[in-house]
Amino acid sequence: MVAAVRDPTRHQDLAADRVTLRQADVTDGSAVAGALHGADAAVHAVSPFSGPEQGFATLDPDFFVKAADVLLTGLTAAGGRRLVVIGLFATLPTRSGGLVMDDPAVFPPEIRPFAQAHLDGLTHLRAADTSIDWLMLTPPAGLSPALPRTGKYRIGAEEYLDEGTLSYADLAVAVVDEIERPAHRRVRLPVYGQ
């Protein structure tokens, strides 16, 4: 398994038994192609920011579109078959017909450009002429690293339901399950805790 990050010196904790740490930026085609060499699948869990302290003034609105292109091209060149993307709950449709990101009572308007960039990446994936079998799993707003791993999760319909929380560990279980035993293809679906 390979963990590819922009700055490996900041993420030494990712290196472990059977995990190789490599430097790669998801918008750099040659770096991603090198990192994906020999990979069967890739997981795209990348943000354009190193942290929320960067603010949104420097957001590249095309970041997620560029990342999708680079990952699809790199994975194809590597002979891979599966791409699992981590989505953003704000891009899900609501029962009333709008999107979560368009409701200022649920999603802060000042970070809507970030949600739009995510949505543009999904739109680009949906339109891509590719042999890669992709899936976007979208955790709820209550995604938390502090919650325990249960090994359980629920996959929902493509609609936002304000249904609680999900641990990072259980999101990882869902991702691995979809790589090892793909059950959903070329669609974006929410994933919730049990």
N, C-alpha and C. Protein backbone atom coordinates (compact mmCIF):
# COMPACT_ATOMS: atom_id res chain seq x y z
N MET A 1 0.85 -1.16 0.00
CA MET A 1 0.00 0.00 0.00
C MET A 1 0.90 1.23 0.00
N VAL A 2 0.47 2.26 -0.72
CA VAL A 2 1.21 3.51 -0.81
C VAL A 2 0.36 4.65 -0.25
N ALA A 3 0.94 5.48 0.58
CA ALA A 3 0.31 6.71 1.04
C ALA A 3 1.06 7.85 0.36
N ALA A 4 0.40 8.55 -0.53
CA ALA A 4 1.02 9.65 -1.26
C ALA A 4 0.55 10.97 -0.67
N VAL A 5 1.50 11.81 -0.29
CA VAL A 5 1.22 13.11 0.33
C VAL A 5 2.14 14.16 -0.28
N ARG A 6 1.74 15.43 -0.15
CA ARG A 6 2.57 16.51 -0.70
C ARG A 6 3.89 16.64 0.04
N ASP A 7 3.87 16.47 1.35
CA ASP A 7 5.08 16.66 2.16
C ASP A 7 5.24 15.49 3.13
N PRO A 8 5.99 14.46 2.73
CA PRO A 8 6.15 13.28 3.59
C PRO A 8 6.76 13.59 4.96
N THR A 9 7.54 14.66 5.07
CA THR A 9 8.13 14.98 6.37
C THR A 9 7.08 15.36 7.40
N ARG A 10 5.93 15.84 6.95
CA ARG A 10 4.84 16.21 7.86
C ARG A 10 3.93 15.04 8.20
N HIS A 11 4.13 13.91 7.54
CA HIS A 11 3.20 12.78 7.71
C HIS A 11 3.93 11.47 7.95
N GLN A 12 5.01 11.51 8.68
CA GLN A 12 5.77 10.29 8.98
C GLN A 12 4.93 9.24 9.70
N ASP A 13 3.90 9.68 10.40
CA ASP A 13 3.04 8.74 11.13
C ASP A 13 2.26 7.81 10.19
N LEU A 14 2.19 8.14 8.90
CA LEU A 14 1.49 7.28 7.95
C LEU A 14 2.32 6.06 7.55
N ALA A 15 3.64 6.19 7.65
CA ALA A 15 4.52 5.08 7.29
C ALA A 15 4.37 3.98 8.35
N ALA A 16 4.11 2.78 7.88
CA ALA A 16 3.91 1.65 8.80
C ALA A 16 4.24 0.37 8.06
N ASP A 17 4.11 -0.73 8.75
CA ASP A 17 4.32 -2.02 8.13
C ASP A 17 3.40 -2.15 6.91
N ARG A 18 3.94 -2.44 5.79
CA ARG A 18 3.24 -2.62 4.52
C ARG A 18 2.67 -1.31 3.94
N VAL A 19 3.11 -0.15 4.45
CA VAL A 19 2.70 1.14 3.89
C VAL A 19 3.96 1.91 3.51
N THR A 20 4.05 2.27 2.23
CA THR A 20 5.16 3.07 1.74
C THR A 20 4.69 4.50 1.58
N LEU A 21 5.47 5.43 2.11
CA LEU A 21 5.14 6.84 2.03
C LEU A 21 5.86 7.44 0.83
N ARG A 22 5.10 8.10 -0.07
CA ARG A 22 5.68 8.73 -1.26
C ARG A 22 5.21 10.17 -1.37
N GLN A 23 6.04 10.98 -2.00
CA GLN A 23 5.67 12.37 -2.24
C GLN A 23 4.97 12.48 -3.59
N ALA A 24 3.81 13.12 -3.59
CA ALA A 24 3.07 13.36 -4.82
C ALA A 24 1.99 14.39 -4.54
N ASP A 25 1.78 15.27 -5.49
CA ASP A 25 0.69 16.24 -5.45
C ASP A 25 -0.36 15.75 -6.43
N VAL A 26 -1.60 15.68 -6.01
CA VAL A 26 -2.67 15.09 -6.82
C VAL A 26 -2.93 15.86 -8.12
N THR A 27 -2.37 17.06 -8.27
CA THR A 27 -2.53 17.79 -9.53
C THR A 27 -1.29 17.69 -10.41
N ASP A 28 -0.29 16.90 -10.00
CA ASP A 28 0.95 16.72 -10.75
C ASP A 28 0.91 15.34 -11.40
N GLY A 29 0.64 15.33 -12.71
CA GLY A 29 0.44 14.07 -13.42
C GLY A 29 1.60 13.10 -13.31
N SER A 30 2.84 13.57 -13.48
CA SER A 30 3.98 12.65 -13.45
C SER A 30 4.19 12.10 -12.04
N ALA A 31 3.99 12.92 -11.01
CA ALA A 31 4.16 12.45 -9.63
C ALA A 31 3.09 11.41 -9.29
N VAL A 32 1.87 11.65 -9.71
CA VAL A 32 0.79 10.70 -9.42
C VAL A 32 1.00 9.40 -10.20
N ALA A 33 1.42 9.51 -11.45
CA ALA A 33 1.68 8.30 -12.24
C ALA A 33 2.75 7.46 -11.56
N GLY A 34 3.79 8.09 -11.03
CA GLY A 34 4.83 7.36 -10.32
C GLY A 34 4.31 6.72 -9.04
N ALA A 35 3.50 7.45 -8.30
CA ALA A 35 2.96 6.92 -7.04
C ALA A 35 1.99 5.77 -7.28
N LEU A 36 1.28 5.80 -8.41
CA LEU A 36 0.29 4.77 -8.71
C LEU A 36 0.86 3.56 -9.43
N HIS A 37 2.15 3.59 -9.75
CA HIS A 37 2.76 2.48 -10.49
C HIS A 37 2.45 1.14 -9.82
N GLY A 38 1.80 0.26 -10.55
CA GLY A 38 1.46 -1.05 -10.03
C GLY A 38 0.21 -1.11 -9.17
N ALA A 39 -0.49 0.01 -9.01
CA ALA A 39 -1.67 0.05 -8.14
C ALA A 39 -2.90 -0.52 -8.84
N ASP A 40 -3.71 -1.25 -8.09
CA ASP A 40 -4.99 -1.73 -8.59
C ASP A 40 -6.08 -0.69 -8.39
N ALA A 41 -5.91 0.13 -7.34
CA ALA A 41 -6.93 1.10 -6.97
C ALA A 41 -6.27 2.31 -6.33
N ALA A 42 -7.02 3.40 -6.30
CA ALA A 42 -6.55 4.63 -5.64
C ALA A 42 -7.70 5.22 -4.84
N VAL A 43 -7.35 5.89 -3.76
CA VAL A 43 -8.32 6.60 -2.94
C VAL A 43 -7.97 8.07 -2.99
N HIS A 44 -8.92 8.90 -3.37
CA HIS A 44 -8.73 10.35 -3.44
C HIS A 44 -9.40 10.98 -2.22
N ALA A 45 -8.57 11.31 -1.23
CA ALA A 45 -9.07 11.93 0.00
C ALA A 45 -8.28 13.20 0.24
N VAL A 46 -8.19 14.02 -0.80
CA VAL A 46 -7.30 15.18 -0.79
C VAL A 46 -8.11 16.48 -0.80
N SER A 47 -7.58 17.45 -0.10
CA SER A 47 -8.13 18.80 -0.10
C SER A 47 -7.09 19.73 -0.71
N PRO A 48 -7.51 20.84 -1.31
CA PRO A 48 -6.52 21.79 -1.82
C PRO A 48 -5.76 22.48 -0.70
N PHE A 49 -6.22 22.36 0.53
CA PHE A 49 -5.62 23.04 1.66
C PHE A 49 -4.84 22.07 2.53
N SER A 50 -3.77 22.57 3.13
CA SER A 50 -3.07 21.77 4.13
C SER A 50 -3.81 21.83 5.45
N GLY A 51 -4.66 22.82 5.62
CA GLY A 51 -5.44 22.97 6.83
C GLY A 51 -6.39 24.14 6.69
N PRO A 52 -7.43 24.19 7.52
CA PRO A 52 -8.43 25.25 7.40
C PRO A 52 -7.87 26.64 7.67
N GLU A 53 -6.71 26.72 8.32
CA GLU A 53 -6.13 28.03 8.60
C GLU A 53 -5.70 28.76 7.34
N GLN A 54 -5.61 28.06 6.21
CA GLN A 54 -5.22 28.70 4.97
C GLN A 54 -6.29 29.65 4.44
N GLY A 55 -7.52 29.42 4.79
CA GLY A 55 -8.59 30.26 4.30
C GLY A 55 -8.99 29.90 2.88
N PHE A 56 -9.99 30.57 2.35
CA PHE A 56 -10.53 30.23 1.05
C PHE A 56 -10.15 31.23 -0.03
N ALA A 57 -9.41 32.26 0.30
CA ALA A 57 -9.01 33.27 -0.68
C ALA A 57 -8.11 32.68 -1.74
N THR A 58 -7.35 31.64 -1.40
CA THR A 58 -6.40 31.06 -2.34
C THR A 58 -6.93 29.79 -3.01
N LEU A 59 -8.19 29.47 -2.83
CA LEU A 59 -8.78 28.27 -3.40
C LEU A 59 -8.69 28.28 -4.92
N ASP A 60 -8.16 27.20 -5.48
CA ASP A 60 -8.20 26.99 -6.92
C ASP A 60 -9.54 26.34 -7.23
N PRO A 61 -10.46 27.03 -7.90
CA PRO A 61 -11.79 26.47 -8.13
C PRO A 61 -11.77 25.22 -9.01
N ASP A 62 -10.67 25.00 -9.73
CA ASP A 62 -10.56 23.83 -10.60
C ASP A 62 -9.80 22.67 -9.96
N PHE A 63 -9.48 22.78 -8.67
CA PHE A 63 -8.64 21.78 -8.01
C PHE A 63 -9.20 20.37 -8.17
N PHE A 64 -10.47 20.14 -7.88
CA PHE A 64 -11.03 18.80 -7.90
C PHE A 64 -11.21 18.28 -9.32
N VAL A 65 -11.40 19.16 -10.29
CA VAL A 65 -11.46 18.75 -11.70
C VAL A 65 -10.07 18.29 -12.14
N LYS A 66 -9.04 19.08 -11.82
CA LYS A 66 -7.66 18.70 -12.16
C LYS A 66 -7.29 17.38 -11.49
N ALA A 67 -7.63 17.24 -10.23
CA ALA A 67 -7.31 16.01 -9.49
C ALA A 67 -7.98 14.80 -10.13
N ALA A 68 -9.24 14.94 -10.53
CA ALA A 68 -9.94 13.83 -11.18
C ALA A 68 -9.24 13.43 -12.47
N ASP A 69 -8.87 14.41 -13.28
CA ASP A 69 -8.16 14.12 -14.53
C ASP A 69 -6.86 13.38 -14.29
N VAL A 70 -6.06 13.91 -13.36
CA VAL A 70 -4.75 13.31 -13.07
C VAL A 70 -4.92 11.89 -12.54
N LEU A 71 -5.85 11.68 -11.62
CA LEU A 71 -6.05 10.35 -11.05
C LEU A 71 -6.58 9.36 -12.08
N LEU A 72 -7.53 9.76 -12.89
CA LEU A 72 -8.05 8.86 -13.93
C LEU A 72 -6.96 8.49 -14.92
N THR A 73 -6.18 9.47 -15.35
CA THR A 73 -5.09 9.22 -16.31
C THR A 73 -4.01 8.35 -15.68
N GLY A 74 -3.59 8.71 -14.47
CA GLY A 74 -2.53 7.97 -13.80
C GLY A 74 -2.92 6.55 -13.47
N LEU A 75 -4.14 6.36 -13.01
CA LEU A 75 -4.60 5.02 -12.67
C LEU A 75 -4.74 4.15 -13.92
N THR A 76 -5.21 4.75 -15.02
CA THR A 76 -5.29 4.02 -16.28
C THR A 76 -3.90 3.58 -16.74
N ALA A 77 -2.95 4.51 -16.68
CA ALA A 77 -1.57 4.19 -17.09
C ALA A 77 -0.96 3.11 -16.20
N ALA A 78 -1.34 3.09 -14.93
CA ALA A 78 -0.81 2.11 -13.99
C ALA A 78 -1.49 0.75 -14.13
N GLY A 79 -2.54 0.69 -14.94
CA GLY A 79 -3.28 -0.56 -15.10
C GLY A 79 -4.29 -0.79 -13.99
N GLY A 80 -4.58 0.27 -13.23
CA GLY A 80 -5.54 0.17 -12.13
C GLY A 80 -6.97 0.11 -12.64
N ARG A 81 -7.86 -0.23 -11.72
CA ARG A 81 -9.25 -0.40 -12.12
C ARG A 81 -10.24 0.42 -11.31
N ARG A 82 -9.89 0.81 -10.07
CA ARG A 82 -10.89 1.37 -9.17
C ARG A 82 -10.39 2.67 -8.54
N LEU A 83 -11.23 3.69 -8.54
CA LEU A 83 -10.95 4.96 -7.89
C LEU A 83 -12.09 5.25 -6.93
N VAL A 84 -11.76 5.40 -5.65
CA VAL A 84 -12.76 5.77 -4.65
C VAL A 84 -12.42 7.18 -4.18
N VAL A 85 -13.37 8.07 -4.33
CA VAL A 85 -13.21 9.48 -3.99
C VAL A 85 -14.03 9.79 -2.74
N ILE A 86 -13.44 10.57 -1.84
CA ILE A 86 -14.19 11.01 -0.66
C ILE A 86 -14.85 12.34 -1.00
N GLY A 87 -16.17 12.37 -0.92
CA GLY A 87 -16.93 13.55 -1.29
C GLY A 87 -17.22 14.47 -0.10
N LEU A 88 -17.97 15.50 -0.37
CA LEU A 88 -18.33 16.51 0.63
C LEU A 88 -19.86 16.53 0.75
N PHE A 89 -20.36 16.39 1.98
CA PHE A 89 -21.81 16.30 2.21
C PHE A 89 -22.56 17.50 1.63
N ALA A 90 -21.92 18.65 1.56
CA ALA A 90 -22.60 19.86 1.10
C ALA A 90 -23.04 19.79 -0.35
N THR A 91 -22.49 18.84 -1.13
CA THR A 91 -22.86 18.72 -2.53
C THR A 91 -24.05 17.79 -2.75
N LEU A 92 -24.55 17.18 -1.67
CA LEU A 92 -25.68 16.26 -1.81
C LEU A 92 -26.99 17.02 -2.00
N PRO A 93 -27.91 16.44 -2.78
CA PRO A 93 -29.23 17.05 -2.89
C PRO A 93 -30.03 16.81 -1.61
N THR A 94 -30.94 17.73 -1.35
CA THR A 94 -31.82 17.62 -0.19
C THR A 94 -33.19 17.12 -0.63
N ARG A 95 -34.02 16.78 0.31
CA ARG A 95 -35.37 16.31 -0.02
C ARG A 95 -36.19 17.40 -0.71
N SER A 96 -35.87 18.65 -0.43
CA SER A 96 -36.62 19.75 -1.04
C SER A 96 -36.18 20.05 -2.46
N GLY A 97 -35.13 19.38 -2.93
CA GLY A 97 -34.72 19.55 -4.32
C GLY A 97 -33.48 20.39 -4.54
N GLY A 98 -33.04 21.13 -3.54
CA GLY A 98 -31.83 21.92 -3.68
C GLY A 98 -30.61 21.12 -3.25
N LEU A 99 -29.51 21.83 -3.07
CA LEU A 99 -28.28 21.22 -2.56
C LEU A 99 -28.01 21.74 -1.16
N VAL A 100 -27.38 20.95 -0.35
CA VAL A 100 -27.04 21.38 1.01
C VAL A 100 -26.25 22.68 0.97
N MET A 101 -25.31 22.80 0.05
CA MET A 101 -24.44 23.99 -0.01
C MET A 101 -25.20 25.27 -0.33
N ASP A 102 -26.42 25.14 -0.82
CA ASP A 102 -27.23 26.32 -1.15
C ASP A 102 -28.12 26.77 0.00
N ASP A 103 -28.07 26.05 1.10
CA ASP A 103 -28.89 26.39 2.27
C ASP A 103 -28.00 27.03 3.34
N PRO A 104 -28.05 28.37 3.48
CA PRO A 104 -27.17 29.04 4.46
C PRO A 104 -27.45 28.66 5.91
N ALA A 105 -28.59 28.05 6.17
CA ALA A 105 -28.88 27.61 7.53
C ALA A 105 -28.10 26.33 7.88
N VAL A 106 -27.65 25.61 6.85
CA VAL A 106 -26.94 24.35 7.06
C VAL A 106 -25.45 24.48 6.71
N PHE A 107 -25.15 25.25 5.67
CA PHE A 107 -23.78 25.34 5.18
C PHE A 107 -23.37 26.80 5.03
N PRO A 108 -22.28 27.22 5.67
CA PRO A 108 -21.88 28.63 5.64
C PRO A 108 -21.61 29.14 4.22
N PRO A 109 -22.26 30.22 3.81
CA PRO A 109 -22.09 30.73 2.45
C PRO A 109 -20.65 31.09 2.10
N GLU A 110 -19.86 31.48 3.10
CA GLU A 110 -18.48 31.90 2.80
C GLU A 110 -17.59 30.73 2.36
N ILE A 111 -18.02 29.49 2.62
CA ILE A 111 -17.21 28.37 2.13
C ILE A 111 -17.90 27.62 0.99
N ARG A 112 -18.93 28.23 0.44
CA ARG A 112 -19.62 27.63 -0.70
C ARG A 112 -18.69 27.40 -1.89
N PRO A 113 -17.71 28.30 -2.19
CA PRO A 113 -16.81 28.02 -3.31
C PRO A 113 -16.06 26.70 -3.17
N PHE A 114 -15.73 26.31 -1.95
CA PHE A 114 -15.07 25.03 -1.72
C PHE A 114 -16.02 23.89 -2.10
N ALA A 115 -17.28 23.99 -1.70
CA ALA A 115 -18.28 22.98 -2.04
C ALA A 115 -18.49 22.93 -3.55
N GLN A 116 -18.52 24.11 -4.19
CA GLN A 116 -18.70 24.15 -5.64
C GLN A 116 -17.54 23.47 -6.34
N ALA A 117 -16.32 23.65 -5.85
CA ALA A 117 -15.15 22.99 -6.43
C ALA A 117 -15.29 21.47 -6.32
N HIS A 118 -15.79 20.98 -5.17
CA HIS A 118 -16.06 19.54 -5.00
C HIS A 118 -17.09 19.07 -6.02
N LEU A 119 -18.17 19.83 -6.15
CA LEU A 119 -19.25 19.47 -7.06
C LEU A 119 -18.75 19.45 -8.51
N ASP A 120 -17.90 20.40 -8.87
CA ASP A 120 -17.33 20.42 -10.22
C ASP A 120 -16.50 19.17 -10.48
N GLY A 121 -15.77 18.71 -9.46
CA GLY A 121 -15.00 17.48 -9.60
C GLY A 121 -15.90 16.28 -9.84
N LEU A 122 -17.01 16.21 -9.12
CA LEU A 122 -17.97 15.12 -9.33
C LEU A 122 -18.58 15.19 -10.73
N THR A 123 -18.96 16.38 -11.16
CA THR A 123 -19.53 16.55 -12.49
C THR A 123 -18.54 16.09 -13.55
N HIS A 124 -17.28 16.42 -13.33
CA HIS A 124 -16.23 16.01 -14.26
C HIS A 124 -16.07 14.49 -14.28
N LEU A 125 -16.10 13.85 -13.13
CA LEU A 125 -16.02 12.39 -13.07
C LEU A 125 -17.18 11.76 -13.83
N ARG A 126 -18.36 12.28 -13.61
CA ARG A 126 -19.55 11.71 -14.27
C ARG A 126 -19.47 11.81 -15.78
N ALA A 127 -18.82 12.85 -16.29
CA ALA A 127 -18.73 13.06 -17.74
C ALA A 127 -17.49 12.41 -18.37
N ALA A 128 -16.58 11.92 -17.55
CA ALA A 128 -15.30 11.40 -18.06
C ALA A 128 -15.50 10.14 -18.89
N ASP A 129 -14.81 10.10 -20.01
CA ASP A 129 -14.76 8.91 -20.85
C ASP A 129 -13.58 8.07 -20.37
N THR A 130 -13.84 7.16 -19.46
CA THR A 130 -12.77 6.40 -18.82
C THR A 130 -13.20 4.96 -18.57
N SER A 131 -12.21 4.09 -18.53
CA SER A 131 -12.48 2.70 -18.18
C SER A 131 -12.39 2.49 -16.67
N ILE A 132 -11.97 3.51 -15.94
CA ILE A 132 -11.83 3.39 -14.49
C ILE A 132 -13.20 3.30 -13.83
N ASP A 133 -13.34 2.34 -12.95
CA ASP A 133 -14.56 2.12 -12.19
C ASP A 133 -14.49 3.00 -10.94
N TRP A 134 -15.17 4.14 -10.93
CA TRP A 134 -15.05 5.09 -9.83
C TRP A 134 -16.31 5.10 -8.96
N LEU A 135 -16.11 5.58 -7.76
CA LEU A 135 -17.20 5.74 -6.79
C LEU A 135 -16.85 6.91 -5.88
N MET A 136 -17.82 7.75 -5.57
CA MET A 136 -17.61 8.79 -4.58
C MET A 136 -18.44 8.45 -3.35
N LEU A 137 -17.75 8.26 -2.22
CA LEU A 137 -18.42 8.05 -0.93
C LEU A 137 -18.42 9.37 -0.17
N THR A 138 -19.58 9.79 0.28
CA THR A 138 -19.74 11.09 0.90
C THR A 138 -20.17 10.93 2.36
N PRO A 139 -19.24 11.21 3.28
CA PRO A 139 -19.58 11.09 4.70
C PRO A 139 -20.46 12.25 5.16
N PRO A 140 -21.11 12.11 6.31
CA PRO A 140 -21.98 13.17 6.82
C PRO A 140 -21.17 14.33 7.41
N ALA A 141 -21.86 15.40 7.73
CA ALA A 141 -21.20 16.54 8.38
C ALA A 141 -20.58 16.12 9.70
N GLY A 142 -21.12 15.09 10.32
CA GLY A 142 -20.63 14.61 11.61
C GLY A 142 -19.49 13.61 11.50
N LEU A 143 -18.67 13.70 10.46
CA LEU A 143 -17.49 12.85 10.33
C LEU A 143 -16.48 13.28 11.39
N SER A 144 -15.97 12.31 12.16
CA SER A 144 -15.11 12.68 13.28
C SER A 144 -13.98 11.68 13.49
N PRO A 145 -12.74 12.19 13.69
CA PRO A 145 -11.64 11.29 14.03
C PRO A 145 -11.72 10.80 15.48
N ALA A 146 -12.52 11.46 16.30
CA ALA A 146 -12.61 11.11 17.72
C ALA A 146 -13.55 9.93 17.99
N LEU A 147 -14.39 9.60 17.04
CA LEU A 147 -15.34 8.50 17.25
C LEU A 147 -14.63 7.15 17.10
N PRO A 148 -15.10 6.14 17.80
CA PRO A 148 -14.45 4.83 17.72
C PRO A 148 -14.79 4.08 16.43
N ARG A 149 -13.92 3.15 16.10
CA ARG A 149 -14.17 2.26 14.97
C ARG A 149 -15.17 1.19 15.40
N THR A 150 -16.25 1.05 14.63
CA THR A 150 -17.22 -0.01 14.90
C THR A 150 -17.15 -1.10 13.84
N GLY A 151 -16.59 -0.76 12.68
CA GLY A 151 -16.55 -1.70 11.57
C GLY A 151 -17.86 -1.75 10.82
N LYS A 152 -18.81 -0.85 11.18
CA LYS A 152 -20.13 -0.85 10.56
C LYS A 152 -20.43 0.53 9.98
N TYR A 153 -21.23 0.53 8.92
CA TYR A 153 -21.65 1.77 8.26
C TYR A 153 -22.88 1.45 7.41
N ARG A 154 -23.54 2.49 6.96
CA ARG A 154 -24.69 2.35 6.06
C ARG A 154 -24.45 3.18 4.82
N ILE A 155 -24.79 2.65 3.67
CA ILE A 155 -24.75 3.40 2.41
C ILE A 155 -26.17 3.89 2.15
N GLY A 156 -26.32 5.18 1.89
CA GLY A 156 -27.63 5.75 1.65
C GLY A 156 -27.89 5.99 0.17
N ALA A 157 -29.09 6.48 -0.12
CA ALA A 157 -29.43 6.91 -1.47
C ALA A 157 -28.77 8.27 -1.71
N GLU A 158 -28.70 8.69 -2.95
CA GLU A 158 -28.03 9.94 -3.26
C GLU A 158 -28.88 11.14 -2.85
N GLU A 159 -28.95 11.34 -1.54
CA GLU A 159 -29.73 12.43 -0.96
C GLU A 159 -29.18 12.70 0.43
N TYR A 160 -29.14 13.97 0.81
CA TYR A 160 -28.62 14.33 2.12
C TYR A 160 -29.66 14.05 3.20
N LEU A 161 -29.24 13.28 4.18
CA LEU A 161 -30.04 13.05 5.37
C LEU A 161 -29.18 13.47 6.55
N ASP A 162 -29.67 14.32 7.38
CA ASP A 162 -28.90 14.76 8.53
C ASP A 162 -28.94 13.64 9.56
N GLU A 163 -28.14 12.61 9.29
CA GLU A 163 -28.22 11.39 10.10
C GLU A 163 -26.94 11.14 10.87
N GLY A 164 -26.68 12.00 11.80
CA GLY A 164 -25.66 11.70 12.77
C GLY A 164 -24.23 11.76 12.32
N THR A 165 -23.48 10.75 12.71
CA THR A 165 -22.04 10.81 12.65
C THR A 165 -21.46 9.58 11.96
N LEU A 166 -20.16 9.64 11.73
CA LEU A 166 -19.40 8.54 11.19
C LEU A 166 -17.96 8.74 11.63
N SER A 167 -17.31 7.69 12.06
CA SER A 167 -15.90 7.81 12.43
C SER A 167 -15.03 7.73 11.19
N TYR A 168 -13.86 8.35 11.28
CA TYR A 168 -12.90 8.24 10.19
C TYR A 168 -12.59 6.77 9.93
N ALA A 169 -12.45 5.99 11.02
CA ALA A 169 -12.11 4.58 10.89
C ALA A 169 -13.20 3.81 10.14
N ASP A 170 -14.47 4.11 10.40
CA ASP A 170 -15.55 3.41 9.71
C ASP A 170 -15.68 3.88 8.26
N LEU A 171 -15.33 5.13 7.99
CA LEU A 171 -15.26 5.57 6.59
C LEU A 171 -14.18 4.77 5.87
N ALA A 172 -13.05 4.56 6.51
CA ALA A 172 -11.98 3.77 5.92
C ALA A 172 -12.43 2.33 5.65
N VAL A 173 -13.22 1.77 6.54
CA VAL A 173 -13.77 0.42 6.33
C VAL A 173 -14.63 0.40 5.07
N ALA A 174 -15.49 1.41 4.92
CA ALA A 174 -16.35 1.49 3.73
C ALA A 174 -15.51 1.59 2.46
N VAL A 175 -14.45 2.40 2.50
CA VAL A 175 -13.58 2.57 1.34
C VAL A 175 -12.91 1.25 0.98
N VAL A 176 -12.33 0.59 1.96
CA VAL A 176 -11.65 -0.69 1.69
C VAL A 176 -12.65 -1.74 1.17
N ASP A 177 -13.83 -1.78 1.76
CA ASP A 177 -14.85 -2.72 1.27
C ASP A 177 -15.16 -2.47 -0.20
N GLU A 178 -15.27 -1.21 -0.59
CA GLU A 178 -15.61 -0.88 -1.99
C GLU A 178 -14.44 -1.13 -2.94
N ILE A 179 -13.24 -1.18 -2.41
CA ILE A 179 -12.09 -1.54 -3.26
C ILE A 179 -12.02 -3.06 -3.40
N GLU A 180 -12.16 -3.76 -2.30
CA GLU A 180 -12.02 -5.21 -2.33
C GLU A 180 -13.24 -5.93 -2.91
N ARG A 181 -14.44 -5.38 -2.67
CA ARG A 181 -15.68 -5.98 -3.16
C ARG A 181 -16.60 -4.87 -3.66
N PRO A 182 -16.30 -4.33 -4.84
CA PRO A 182 -17.10 -3.20 -5.34
C PRO A 182 -18.59 -3.55 -5.45
N ALA A 183 -19.40 -2.74 -4.80
CA ALA A 183 -20.85 -2.94 -4.85
C ALA A 183 -21.56 -1.78 -5.54
N HIS A 184 -20.85 -0.66 -5.71
CA HIS A 184 -21.44 0.53 -6.32
C HIS A 184 -20.47 1.08 -7.34
N ARG A 185 -20.99 1.50 -8.48
CA ARG A 185 -20.13 1.93 -9.57
C ARG A 185 -20.63 3.23 -10.20
N ARG A 186 -19.66 4.13 -10.43
CA ARG A 186 -19.90 5.37 -11.16
C ARG A 186 -21.08 6.16 -10.61
N VAL A 187 -21.06 6.29 -9.28
CA VAL A 187 -22.12 7.02 -8.60
C VAL A 187 -21.55 7.66 -7.34
N ARG A 188 -22.24 8.67 -6.85
CA ARG A 188 -21.88 9.29 -5.57
C ARG A 188 -22.94 8.90 -4.56
N LEU A 189 -22.50 8.36 -3.42
CA LEU A 189 -23.45 7.91 -2.41
C LEU A 189 -23.00 8.36 -1.03
N PRO A 190 -23.93 8.72 -0.17
CA PRO A 190 -23.57 9.04 1.21
C PRO A 190 -23.30 7.77 2.02
N VAL A 191 -22.42 7.90 2.99
CA VAL A 191 -22.12 6.81 3.91
C VAL A 191 -22.29 7.33 5.32
N TYR A 192 -23.02 6.59 6.15
CA TYR A 192 -23.37 7.01 7.50
C TYR A 192 -22.96 5.95 8.51
N GLY A 193 -22.84 6.35 9.76
CA GLY A 193 -22.60 5.40 10.84
C GLY A 193 -23.85 4.58 11.12
N GLN A 194 -23.66 3.44 11.77
CA GLN A 194 -24.79 2.56 12.10
C GLN A 194 -25.61 3.13 13.23
